[in-house]
Amino acid sequence: MSMENDIEKCDFLCVHNNIVSKVLHHMPEETQLYDLAELFKVFGDSTRIKILYVLFQSEMCVCDIAQLLNMGQSAISHQLRVLKQAKLVKGRREGKTMFYSLSDSHVRTIIDQGFEHIEE
């Protein structure tokens, strides 16, 4: 007998319909859950986390971030593009230079709560 058969087999002794209905009523739509999962994937890269931490301190251009993290400008630009698409960072042009900063305070809150969780 395979493990799959054991997992697929489920004998309900009692379903609490009131609880199931209540939870289903509060469940977000599939598209929202997908978008949330995609957002958390962005946080799954240590380089992007480092960039976010740098931007906690100050608005910076690609050159400054690359120097600070000892990485190439193209690698930083790529990661900033991902962060910008996820609406975690925003850009501001000054002449020919683009300066990046956190989009809003939610970004810091997400990181702070993540740290709080891993330090428990």
C-alpha atoms as a PDB file:
ATOM      1  CA  MET A   1       0.000   0.000   0.000  1.00  0.00           C
ATOM      2  CA  SER A   2       1.502   3.324  -1.041  1.00  0.00           C
ATOM      3  CA  MET A   3       1.699   6.486   1.024  1.00  0.00           C
ATOM      4  CA  GLU A   4      -0.391   8.305  -1.619  1.00  0.00           C
ATOM      5  CA  ASN A   5      -3.375   6.062  -0.938  1.00  0.00           C
ATOM      6  CA  ASP A   6      -3.150   6.840   2.769  1.00  0.00           C
ATOM      7  CA  ILE A   7      -3.021  10.573   2.106  1.00  0.00           C
ATOM      8  CA  GLU A   8      -5.920  10.559  -0.355  1.00  0.00           C
ATOM      9  CA  LYS A   9      -8.118   8.556   1.984  1.00  0.00           C
ATOM     10  CA  CYS A  10      -9.849  10.710   4.559  1.00  0.00           C
ATOM     11  CA  ASP A  11     -12.665   9.507   6.767  1.00  0.00           C
ATOM     12  CA  PHE A  12     -14.542  12.475   8.182  1.00  0.00           C
ATOM     13  CA  LEU A  13     -16.078  11.714  11.482  1.00  0.00           C
ATOM     14  CA  CYS A  14     -17.614  15.141  11.843  1.00  0.00           C
ATOM     15  CA  VAL A  15     -17.599  18.252   9.662  1.00  0.00           C
ATOM     16  CA  HIS A  16     -18.274  21.496  11.494  1.00  0.00           C
ATOM     17  CA  ASN A  17     -20.290  23.223   8.775  1.00  0.00           C
ATOM     18  CA  ASN A  18     -20.635  26.464  10.737  1.00  0.00           C
ATOM     19  CA  ILE A  19     -16.856  26.805  11.022  1.00  0.00           C
ATOM     20  CA  VAL A  20     -16.251  25.814   7.400  1.00  0.00           C
ATOM     21  CA  SER A  21     -18.879  28.300   6.185  1.00  0.00           C
ATOM     22  CA  LYS A  22     -17.469  31.101   8.336  1.00  0.00           C
ATOM     23  CA  VAL A  23     -13.921  30.526   7.035  1.00  0.00           C
ATOM     24  CA  LEU A  24     -15.080  30.259   3.417  1.00  0.00           C
ATOM     25  CA  HIS A  25     -16.949  33.553   3.806  1.00  0.00           C
ATOM     26  CA  HIS A  26     -13.708  35.282   4.870  1.00  0.00           C
ATOM     27  CA  MET A  27     -11.388  33.654   2.328  1.00  0.00           C
ATOM     28  CA  PRO A  28      -9.914  36.104  -0.187  1.00  0.00           C
ATOM     29  CA  GLU A  29     -10.442  35.484  -3.889  1.00  0.00           C
ATOM     30  CA  GLU A  30      -8.029  33.163  -5.696  1.00  0.00           C
ATOM     31  CA  THR A  31      -6.476  36.064  -7.611  1.00  0.00           C
ATOM     32  CA  GLN A  32      -5.738  37.893  -4.359  1.00  0.00           C
ATOM     33  CA  LEU A  33      -4.120  34.796  -2.848  1.00  0.00           C
ATOM     34  CA  TYR A  34      -2.040  34.346  -6.002  1.00  0.00           C
ATOM     35  CA  ASP A  35      -0.913  37.999  -5.881  1.00  0.00           C
ATOM     36  CA  LEU A  36       0.024  37.628  -2.204  1.00  0.00           C
ATOM     37  CA  ALA A  37       2.058  34.503  -2.956  1.00  0.00           C
ATOM     38  CA  GLU A  38       3.839  36.351  -5.765  1.00  0.00           C
ATOM     39  CA  LEU A  39       4.650  39.236  -3.401  1.00  0.00           C
ATOM     40  CA  PHE A  40       6.212  36.872  -0.887  1.00  0.00           C
ATOM     41  CA  LYS A  41       8.288  35.260  -3.640  1.00  0.00           C
ATOM     42  CA  VAL A  42       9.943  38.648  -4.161  1.00  0.00           C
ATOM     43  CA  PHE A  43      11.095  38.542  -0.531  1.00  0.00           C
ATOM     44  CA  GLY A  44      12.649  35.112  -1.199  1.00  0.00           C
ATOM     45  CA  ASP A  45      15.916  36.541  -2.533  1.00  0.00           C
ATOM     46  CA  SER A  46      18.650  37.718  -0.121  1.00  0.00           C
ATOM     47  CA  THR A  47      19.963  40.314  -2.581  1.00  0.00           C
ATOM     48  CA  ARG A  48      16.547  41.950  -2.772  1.00  0.00           C
ATOM     49  CA  ILE A  49      16.313  41.896   1.035  1.00  0.00           C
ATOM     50  CA  LYS A  50      19.721  43.597   1.225  1.00  0.00           C
ATOM     51  CA  ILE A  51      18.592  46.262  -1.246  1.00  0.00           C
ATOM     52  CA  LEU A  52      15.456  46.903   0.783  1.00  0.00           C
ATOM     53  CA  TYR A  53      17.560  47.236   3.945  1.00  0.00           C
ATOM     54  CA  VAL A  54      19.858  49.716   2.196  1.00  0.00           C
ATOM     55  CA  LEU A  55      16.821  51.721   1.139  1.00  0.00           C
ATOM     56  CA  PHE A  56      15.557  51.755   4.755  1.00  0.00           C
ATOM     57  CA  GLN A  57      18.504  54.049   5.453  1.00  0.00           C
ATOM     58  CA  SER A  58      18.470  56.351   2.458  1.00  0.00           C
ATOM     59  CA  GLU A  59      17.265  56.954  -1.046  1.00  0.00           C
ATOM     60  CA  MET A  60      20.049  55.746  -3.366  1.00  0.00           C
ATOM     61  CA  CYS A  61      21.020  55.351  -7.001  1.00  0.00           C
ATOM     62  CA  VAL A  62      22.088  52.064  -8.605  1.00  0.00           C
ATOM     63  CA  CYS A  63      25.796  53.011  -8.438  1.00  0.00           C
ATOM     64  CA  ASP A  64      25.641  53.645  -4.683  1.00  0.00           C
ATOM     65  CA  ILE A  65      23.756  50.420  -3.981  1.00  0.00           C
ATOM     66  CA  ALA A  66      26.174  48.413  -6.155  1.00  0.00           C
ATOM     67  CA  GLN A  67      29.162  49.919  -4.314  1.00  0.00           C
ATOM     68  CA  LEU A  68      27.613  49.297  -0.905  1.00  0.00           C
ATOM     69  CA  LEU A  69      26.715  45.664  -1.653  1.00  0.00           C
ATOM     70  CA  ASN A  70      29.877  44.968  -3.683  1.00  0.00           C
ATOM     71  CA  MET A  71      27.868  43.888  -6.700  1.00  0.00           C
ATOM     72  CA  GLY A  72      27.629  44.854 -10.345  1.00  0.00           C
ATOM     73  CA  GLN A  73      25.309  47.622 -11.438  1.00  0.00           C
ATOM     74  CA  SER A  74      23.459  45.354 -13.880  1.00  0.00           C
ATOM     75  CA  ALA A  75      22.675  42.852 -11.095  1.00  0.00           C
ATOM     76  CA  ILE A  76      21.380  45.654  -8.871  1.00  0.00           C
ATOM     77  CA  SER A  77      19.340  47.124 -11.741  1.00  0.00           C
ATOM     78  CA  HIS A  78      17.752  43.744 -12.390  1.00  0.00           C
ATOM     79  CA  GLN A  79      16.772  43.311  -8.735  1.00  0.00           C
ATOM     80  CA  LEU A  80      15.462  46.874  -8.525  1.00  0.00           C
ATOM     81  CA  ARG A  81      13.279  46.177 -11.575  1.00  0.00           C
ATOM     82  CA  VAL A  82      11.769  43.164  -9.764  1.00  0.00           C
ATOM     83  CA  LEU A  83      11.230  45.228  -6.607  1.00  0.00           C
ATOM     84  CA  LYS A  84       9.669  48.050  -8.617  1.00  0.00           C
ATOM     85  CA  GLN A  85       7.302  45.662 -10.437  1.00  0.00           C
ATOM     86  CA  ALA A  86       6.208  44.361  -7.023  1.00  0.00           C
ATOM     87  CA  LYS A  87       5.578  47.975  -5.949  1.00  0.00           C
ATOM     88  CA  LEU A  88       8.100  47.683  -3.122  1.00  0.00           C
ATOM     89  CA  VAL A  89      10.396  50.448  -4.386  1.00  0.00           C
ATOM     90  CA  LYS A  90       9.849  53.579  -6.430  1.00  0.00           C
ATOM     91  CA  GLY A  91      12.159  55.685  -8.535  1.00  0.00           C
ATOM     92  CA  ARG A  92      12.736  59.424  -8.777  1.00  0.00           C
ATOM     93  CA  ARG A  93      14.717  60.956 -11.610  1.00  0.00           C
ATOM     94  CA  GLU A  94      17.178  63.766 -10.949  1.00  0.00           C
ATOM     95  CA  GLY A  95      18.830  64.743 -14.212  1.00  0.00           C
ATOM     96  CA  LYS A  96      20.226  61.531 -15.690  1.00  0.00           C
ATOM     97  CA  THR A  97      20.275  59.730 -12.333  1.00  0.00           C
ATOM     98  CA  MET A  98      17.435  57.602 -10.976  1.00  0.00           C
ATOM     99  CA  PHE A  99      17.161  57.461  -7.204  1.00  0.00           C
ATOM    100  CA  TYR A 100      15.306  54.602  -5.531  1.00  0.00           C
ATOM    101  CA  SER A 101      13.443  54.503  -2.238  1.00  0.00           C
ATOM    102  CA  LEU A 102      10.895  52.302  -0.491  1.00  0.00           C
ATOM    103  CA  SER A 103       7.395  52.688  -1.899  1.00  0.00           C
ATOM    104  CA  ASP A 104       5.792  53.080   1.502  1.00  0.00           C
ATOM    105  CA  SER A 105       6.015  52.156   5.180  1.00  0.00           C
ATOM    106  CA  HIS A 106       4.402  48.759   4.570  1.00  0.00           C
ATOM    107  CA  VAL A 107       7.665  47.438   3.142  1.00  0.00           C
ATOM    108  CA  ARG A 108       9.519  48.131   6.381  1.00  0.00           C
ATOM    109  CA  THR A 109       6.642  46.629   8.386  1.00  0.00           C
ATOM    110  CA  ILE A 110       6.759  43.389   6.386  1.00  0.00           C
ATOM    111  CA  ILE A 111      10.532  43.045   6.896  1.00  0.00           C
ATOM    112  CA  ASP A 112      10.328  44.009  10.588  1.00  0.00           C
ATOM    113  CA  GLN A 113       7.605  41.448  11.214  1.00  0.00           C
ATOM    114  CA  GLY A 114       9.612  38.800   9.376  1.00  0.00           C
ATOM    115  CA  PHE A 115      12.577  39.485  11.624  1.00  0.00           C
ATOM    116  CA  GLU A 116      10.365  39.444  14.688  1.00  0.00           C
ATOM    117  CA  HIS A 117       9.080  36.041  13.627  1.00  0.00           C
ATOM    118  CA  ILE A 118      12.505  34.445  13.029  1.00  0.00           C
ATOM    119  CA  GLU A 119      13.879  35.819  16.305  1.00  0.00           C
ATOM    120  CA  GLU A 120      11.140  34.177  18.438  1.00  0.00           C
END
